[in-house]
Structures are given as C-alpha cells and as structure tokens.
Amino acid sequence: MKALNSLLMAGVMLSLAGCIPRIEVAAPKEPITINMNVKIEHEIHIKVDKDVEALLKNQSDLF
C-alpha cells in the first residue's frame, strides 16, 4: 500500500511538473509609432541697466 501511494504521488508530481507557466518575450510585428504634436513658444525679456541701454542707443553699430 505504501509503495502504491509513493508511486501515485510520484506520478502526480511528474504530471504537475509539466504545468509550469512559460514566459516569452518577443518583438512586436509592427513598429512602435510615437506621435508627438508639440508646440513650443518662448518669450525672452531682457532687462539692462540704463548705462548699457544708453550705450546701445548711441552706438547702434556694436552688433
């Protein structure tokens, strides 16, 4: 009886060993497309000293 139980238990364990889940990593068939419609606007404000502002007005050929 003990041998039959052991044999039955071994058979159950072997049959359960085939039920291990399998994980598979594969590349997609179609390429990945990322559509980014982005609108970027910048406003730059420059504050200068009165001396520099006067210099820029008097000598406009500096830049």
PDB file of N, CA and C in Angstrom:
ATOM      1  N   MET A   1       0.823  -1.185   0.000  1.00  0.00           N
ATOM      2  CA  MET A   1       0.000   0.000   0.000  1.00  0.00           C
ATOM      3  C   MET A   1       0.877   1.262   0.000  1.00  0.00           C
ATOM      4  N   LYS A   2       1.964   1.220   0.819  1.00  0.00           N
ATOM      5  CA  LYS A   2       2.863   2.358   0.881  1.00  0.00           C
ATOM      6  C   LYS A   2       3.538   2.588  -0.458  1.00  0.00           C
ATOM      7  N   ALA A   3       3.902   1.527  -1.116  1.00  0.00           N
ATOM      8  CA  ALA A   3       4.584   1.637  -2.411  1.00  0.00           C
ATOM      9  C   ALA A   3       3.620   2.208  -3.448  1.00  0.00           C
ATOM     10  N   LEU A   4       2.360   1.807  -3.384  1.00  0.00           N
ATOM     11  CA  LEU A   4       1.353   2.305  -4.324  1.00  0.00           C
ATOM     12  C   LEU A   4       1.114   3.798  -4.112  1.00  0.00           C
ATOM     13  N   ASN A   5       1.049   4.222  -2.841  1.00  0.00           N
ATOM     14  CA  ASN A   5       0.887   5.645  -2.542  1.00  0.00           C
ATOM     15  C   ASN A   5       2.097   6.440  -3.021  1.00  0.00           C
ATOM     16  N   SER A   6       3.290   5.912  -2.814  1.00  0.00           N
ATOM     17  CA  SER A   6       4.508   6.593  -3.263  1.00  0.00           C
ATOM     18  C   SER A   6       4.522   6.703  -4.777  1.00  0.00           C
ATOM     19  N   LEU A   7       4.153   5.635  -5.443  1.00  0.00           N
ATOM     20  CA  LEU A   7       4.123   5.629  -6.900  1.00  0.00           C
ATOM     21  C   LEU A   7       3.054   6.589  -7.421  1.00  0.00           C
ATOM     22  N   LEU A   8       1.912   6.617  -6.793  1.00  0.00           N
ATOM     23  CA  LEU A   8       0.844   7.535  -7.176  1.00  0.00           C
ATOM     24  C   LEU A   8       1.265   8.987  -6.937  1.00  0.00           C
ATOM     25  N   MET A   9       1.921   9.229  -5.825  1.00  0.00           N
ATOM     26  CA  MET A   9       2.398  10.577  -5.502  1.00  0.00           C
ATOM     27  C   MET A   9       3.470  11.013  -6.503  1.00  0.00           C
ATOM     28  N   ALA A  10       4.362  10.155  -6.889  1.00  0.00           N
ATOM     29  CA  ALA A  10       5.401  10.477  -7.868  1.00  0.00           C
ATOM     30  C   ALA A  10       4.758  10.779  -9.219  1.00  0.00           C
ATOM     31  N   GLY A  11       3.742  10.024  -9.587  1.00  0.00           N
ATOM     32  CA  GLY A  11       3.036  10.265 -10.851  1.00  0.00           C
ATOM     33  C   GLY A  11       2.338  11.616 -10.853  1.00  0.00           C
ATOM     34  N   VAL A  12       1.722  11.988  -9.750  1.00  0.00           N
ATOM     35  CA  VAL A  12       1.047  13.280  -9.638  1.00  0.00           C
ATOM     36  C   VAL A  12       2.068  14.413  -9.728  1.00  0.00           C
ATOM     37  N   MET A  13       3.196  14.242  -9.064  1.00  0.00           N
ATOM     38  CA  MET A  13       4.215  15.286  -9.086  1.00  0.00           C
ATOM     39  C   MET A  13       4.802  15.445 -10.492  1.00  0.00           C
ATOM     40  N   LEU A  14       5.012  14.359 -11.201  1.00  0.00           N
ATOM     41  CA  LEU A  14       5.530  14.440 -12.562  1.00  0.00           C
ATOM     42  C   LEU A  14       4.519  15.105 -13.498  1.00  0.00           C
ATOM     43  N   SER A  15       3.248  14.822 -13.316  1.00  0.00           N
ATOM     44  CA  SER A  15       2.239  15.438 -14.181  1.00  0.00           C
ATOM     45  C   SER A  15       2.089  16.930 -13.877  1.00  0.00           C
ATOM     46  N   LEU A  16       2.279  17.333 -12.633  1.00  0.00           N
ATOM     47  CA  LEU A  16       2.211  18.748 -12.277  1.00  0.00           C
ATOM     48  C   LEU A  16       3.457  19.515 -12.731  1.00  0.00           C
ATOM     49  N   ALA A  17       4.560  18.827 -12.898  1.00  0.00           N
ATOM     50  CA  ALA A  17       5.790  19.478 -13.339  1.00  0.00           C
ATOM     51  C   ALA A  17       5.633  20.002 -14.768  1.00  0.00           C
ATOM     52  N   GLY A  18       4.764  19.426 -15.553  1.00  0.00           N
ATOM     53  CA  GLY A  18       4.510  19.892 -16.913  1.00  0.00           C
ATOM     54  C   GLY A  18       3.628  21.129 -16.954  1.00  0.00           C
ATOM     55  N   CYS A  19       3.078  21.569 -15.837  1.00  0.00           N
ATOM     56  CA  CYS A  19       2.175  22.716 -15.794  1.00  0.00           C
ATOM     57  C   CYS A  19       2.887  23.998 -15.378  1.00  0.00           C
ATOM     58  N   ILE A  20       4.191  24.060 -15.536  1.00  0.00           N
ATOM     59  CA  ILE A  20       4.943  25.258 -15.157  1.00  0.00           C
ATOM     60  C   ILE A  20       4.671  26.335 -16.212  1.00  0.00           C
ATOM     61  N   PRO A  21       4.280  27.540 -15.786  1.00  0.00           N
ATOM     62  CA  PRO A  21       3.998  28.595 -16.769  1.00  0.00           C
ATOM     63  C   PRO A  21       5.271  29.030 -17.511  1.00  0.00           C
ATOM     64  N   ARG A  22       5.113  29.371 -18.776  1.00  0.00           N
ATOM     65  CA  ARG A  22       6.239  29.777 -19.607  1.00  0.00           C
ATOM     66  C   ARG A  22       6.078  31.240 -19.973  1.00  0.00           C
ATOM     67  N   ILE A  23       7.130  32.006 -19.774  1.00  0.00           N
ATOM     68  CA  ILE A  23       7.113  33.429 -20.113  1.00  0.00           C
ATOM     69  C   ILE A  23       7.942  33.621 -21.375  1.00  0.00           C
ATOM     70  N   GLU A  24       7.369  34.312 -22.339  1.00  0.00           N
ATOM     71  CA  GLU A  24       8.049  34.518 -23.615  1.00  0.00           C
ATOM     72  C   GLU A  24       8.092  36.007 -23.932  1.00  0.00           C
ATOM     73  N   VAL A  25       9.261  36.494 -24.309  1.00  0.00           N
ATOM     74  CA  VAL A  25       9.432  37.889 -24.697  1.00  0.00           C
ATOM     75  C   VAL A  25       9.722  37.914 -26.185  1.00  0.00           C
ATOM     76  N   ALA A  26       8.883  38.646 -26.928  1.00  0.00           N
ATOM     77  CA  ALA A  26       9.059  38.707 -28.376  1.00  0.00           C
ATOM     78  C   ALA A  26       8.867  40.144 -28.845  1.00  0.00           C
ATOM     79  N   ALA A  27       9.549  40.485 -29.922  1.00  0.00           N
ATOM     80  CA  ALA A  27       9.410  41.820 -30.502  1.00  0.00           C
ATOM     81  C   ALA A  27       8.067  41.922 -31.215  1.00  0.00           C
ATOM     82  N   PRO A  28       7.455  43.118 -31.221  1.00  0.00           N
ATOM     83  CA  PRO A  28       6.178  43.264 -31.920  1.00  0.00           C
ATOM     84  C   PRO A  28       6.357  43.130 -33.437  1.00  0.00           C
ATOM     85  N   LYS A  29       5.312  42.715 -34.105  1.00  0.00           N
ATOM     86  CA  LYS A  29       5.364  42.540 -35.560  1.00  0.00           C
ATOM     87  C   LYS A  29       5.364  43.883 -36.276  1.00  0.00           C
ATOM     88  N   GLU A  30       4.662  44.873 -35.725  1.00  0.00           N
ATOM     89  CA  GLU A  30       4.606  46.203 -36.328  1.00  0.00           C
ATOM     90  C   GLU A  30       5.492  47.150 -35.525  1.00  0.00           C
ATOM     91  N   PRO A  31       6.103  48.143 -36.182  1.00  0.00           N
ATOM     92  CA  PRO A  31       6.947  49.077 -35.440  1.00  0.00           C
ATOM     93  C   PRO A  31       6.123  49.949 -34.493  1.00  0.00           C
ATOM     94  N   ILE A  32       6.744  50.379 -33.428  1.00  0.00           N
ATOM     95  CA  ILE A  32       6.082  51.249 -32.454  1.00  0.00           C
ATOM     96  C   ILE A  32       6.143  52.678 -32.978  1.00  0.00           C
ATOM     97  N   THR A  33       4.993  53.336 -33.048  1.00  0.00           N
ATOM     98  CA  THR A  33       4.908  54.707 -33.553  1.00  0.00           C
ATOM     99  C   THR A  33       4.529  55.627 -32.404  1.00  0.00           C
ATOM    100  N   ILE A  34       5.317  56.679 -32.234  1.00  0.00           N
ATOM    101  CA  ILE A  34       5.026  57.677 -31.208  1.00  0.00           C
ATOM    102  C   ILE A  34       4.746  58.986 -31.933  1.00  0.00           C
ATOM    103  N   ASN A  35       3.536  59.486 -31.801  1.00  0.00           N
ATOM    104  CA  ASN A  35       3.134  60.721 -32.469  1.00  0.00           C
ATOM    105  C   ASN A  35       3.096  61.829 -31.425  1.00  0.00           C
ATOM    106  N   MET A  36       4.003  62.788 -31.584  1.00  0.00           N
ATOM    107  CA  MET A  36       4.060  63.887 -30.619  1.00  0.00           C
ATOM    108  C   MET A  36       3.868  65.206 -31.356  1.00  0.00           C
ATOM    109  N   ASN A  37       2.725  65.786 -31.189  1.00  0.00           N
ATOM    110  CA  ASN A  37       2.459  67.113 -31.743  1.00  0.00           C
ATOM    111  C   ASN A  37       2.656  68.120 -30.613  1.00  0.00           C
ATOM    112  N   VAL A  38       3.790  68.790 -30.636  1.00  0.00           N
ATOM    113  CA  VAL A  38       4.149  69.692 -29.554  1.00  0.00           C
ATOM    114  C   VAL A  38       4.401  71.076 -30.132  1.00  0.00           C
ATOM    115  N   LYS A  39       3.806  72.059 -29.510  1.00  0.00           N
ATOM    116  CA  LYS A  39       4.023  73.441 -29.921  1.00  0.00           C
ATOM    117  C   LYS A  39       4.731  74.158 -28.784  1.00  0.00           C
ATOM    118  N   ILE A  40       5.911  74.672 -29.082  1.00  0.00           N
ATOM    119  CA  ILE A  40       6.715  75.333 -28.054  1.00  0.00           C
ATOM    120  C   ILE A  40       6.868  76.796 -28.441  1.00  0.00           C
ATOM    121  N   GLU A  41       6.527  77.664 -27.517  1.00  0.00           N
ATOM    122  CA  GLU A  41       6.680  79.099 -27.719  1.00  0.00           C
ATOM    123  C   GLU A  41       7.512  79.658 -26.580  1.00  0.00           C
ATOM    124  N   HIS A  42       8.429  80.567 -26.938  1.00  0.00           N
ATOM    125  CA  HIS A  42       9.279  81.184 -25.931  1.00  0.00           C
ATOM    126  C   HIS A  42       9.191  82.697 -26.062  1.00  0.00           C
ATOM    127  N   GLU A  43       9.215  83.345 -24.939  1.00  0.00           N
ATOM    128  CA  GLU A  43       9.315  84.789 -24.896  1.00  0.00           C
ATOM    129  C   GLU A  43      10.505  85.122 -24.005  1.00  0.00           C
ATOM    130  N   ILE A  44      11.421  85.898 -24.556  1.00  0.00           N
ATOM    131  CA  ILE A  44      12.614  86.250 -23.807  1.00  0.00           C
ATOM    132  C   ILE A  44      12.589  87.750 -23.555  1.00  0.00           C
ATOM    133  N   HIS A  45      12.641  88.117 -22.305  1.00  0.00           N
ATOM    134  CA  HIS A  45      12.660  89.520 -21.903  1.00  0.00           C
ATOM    135  C   HIS A  45      14.018  89.803 -21.284  1.00  0.00           C
ATOM    136  N   ILE A  46      14.680  90.837 -21.798  1.00  0.00           N
ATOM    137  CA  ILE A  46      15.994  91.207 -21.288  1.00  0.00           C
ATOM    138  C   ILE A  46      15.902  92.590 -20.661  1.00  0.00           C
ATOM    139  N   LYS A  47      16.351  92.683 -19.433  1.00  0.00           N
ATOM    140  CA  LYS A  47      16.398  93.968 -18.742  1.00  0.00           C
ATOM    141  C   LYS A  47      17.862  94.364 -18.620  1.00  0.00           C
ATOM    142  N   VAL A  48      18.179  95.581 -19.026  1.00  0.00           N
ATOM    143  CA  VAL A  48      19.560  96.054 -18.935  1.00  0.00           C
ATOM    144  C   VAL A  48      19.598  97.338 -18.116  1.00  0.00           C
ATOM    145  N   ASP A  49      20.771  97.640 -17.637  1.00  0.00           N
ATOM    146  CA  ASP A  49      20.950  98.878 -16.880  1.00  0.00           C
ATOM    147  C   ASP A  49      20.796 100.078 -17.814  1.00  0.00           C
ATOM    148  N   LYS A  50      20.560 101.228 -17.230  1.00  0.00           N
ATOM    149  CA  LYS A  50      20.384 102.453 -18.021  1.00  0.00           C
ATOM    150  C   LYS A  50      21.660 102.806 -18.776  1.00  0.00           C
ATOM    151  N   ASP A  51      22.818 102.551 -18.182  1.00  0.00           N
ATOM    152  CA  ASP A  51      24.087 102.860 -18.850  1.00  0.00           C
ATOM    153  C   ASP A  51      24.263 102.005 -20.112  1.00  0.00           C
ATOM    154  N   VAL A  52      23.955 100.736 -20.005  1.00  0.00           N
ATOM    155  CA  VAL A  52      24.093  99.842 -21.155  1.00  0.00           C
ATOM    156  C   VAL A  52      23.064 100.198 -22.211  1.00  0.00           C
ATOM    157  N   GLU A  53      21.861 100.512 -21.791  1.00  0.00           N
ATOM    158  CA  GLU A  53      20.818 100.892 -22.740  1.00  0.00           C
ATOM    159  C   GLU A  53      21.223 102.161 -23.499  1.00  0.00           C
ATOM    160  N   ALA A  54      21.787 103.136 -22.813  1.00  0.00           N
ATOM    161  CA  ALA A  54      22.245 104.370 -23.453  1.00  0.00           C
ATOM    162  C   ALA A  54      23.380 104.076 -24.424  1.00  0.00           C
ATOM    163  N   LEU A  55      24.277 103.186 -24.045  1.00  0.00           N
ATOM    164  CA  LEU A  55      25.389 102.817 -24.917  1.00  0.00           C
ATOM    165  C   LEU A  55      24.880 102.160 -26.192  1.00  0.00           C
ATOM    166  N   LEU A  56      23.897 101.284 -26.061  1.00  0.00           N
ATOM    167  CA  LEU A  56      23.333 100.613 -27.232  1.00  0.00           C
ATOM    168  C   LEU A  56      22.603 101.601 -28.150  1.00  0.00           C
ATOM    169  N   LYS A  57      21.971 102.606 -27.561  1.00  0.00           N
ATOM    170  CA  LYS A  57      21.284 103.596 -28.382  1.00  0.00           C
ATOM    171  C   LYS A  57      22.280 104.501 -29.110  1.00  0.00           C
ATOM    172  N   ASN A  58      23.350 104.880 -28.421  1.00  0.00           N
ATOM    173  CA  ASN A  58      24.333 105.790 -29.018  1.00  0.00           C
ATOM    174  C   ASN A  58      25.200 105.096 -30.062  1.00  0.00           C
ATOM    175  N   GLN A  59      25.566 103.872 -29.819  1.00  0.00           N
ATOM    176  CA  GLN A  59      26.441 103.142 -30.739  1.00  0.00           C
ATOM    177  C   GLN A  59      25.678 101.935 -31.278  1.00  0.00           C
ATOM    178  N   SER A  60      24.825 102.159 -32.222  1.00  0.00           N
ATOM    179  CA  SER A  60      23.979 101.093 -32.742  1.00  0.00           C
ATOM    180  C   SER A  60      24.752 100.088 -33.605  1.00  0.00           C
ATOM    181  N   ASP A  61      25.993 100.408 -33.979  1.00  0.00           N
ATOM    182  CA  ASP A  61      26.779  99.506 -34.815  1.00  0.00           C
ATOM    183  C   ASP A  61      27.583  98.487 -34.012  1.00  0.00           C
ATOM    184  N   LEU A  62      27.301  98.352 -32.731  1.00  0.00           N
ATOM    185  CA  LEU A  62      28.032  97.370 -31.906  1.00  0.00           C
ATOM    186  C   LEU A  62      27.709  95.944 -32.315  1.00  0.00           C
ATOM    187  N   PHE A  63      26.490  95.695 -32.667  1.00  0.00           N
ATOM    188  CA  PHE A  63      26.104  94.322 -33.014  1.00  0.00           C
ATOM    189  C   PHE A  63      25.715  94.273 -34.456  1.00  0.00           C
TER     190      PHE A  63
END
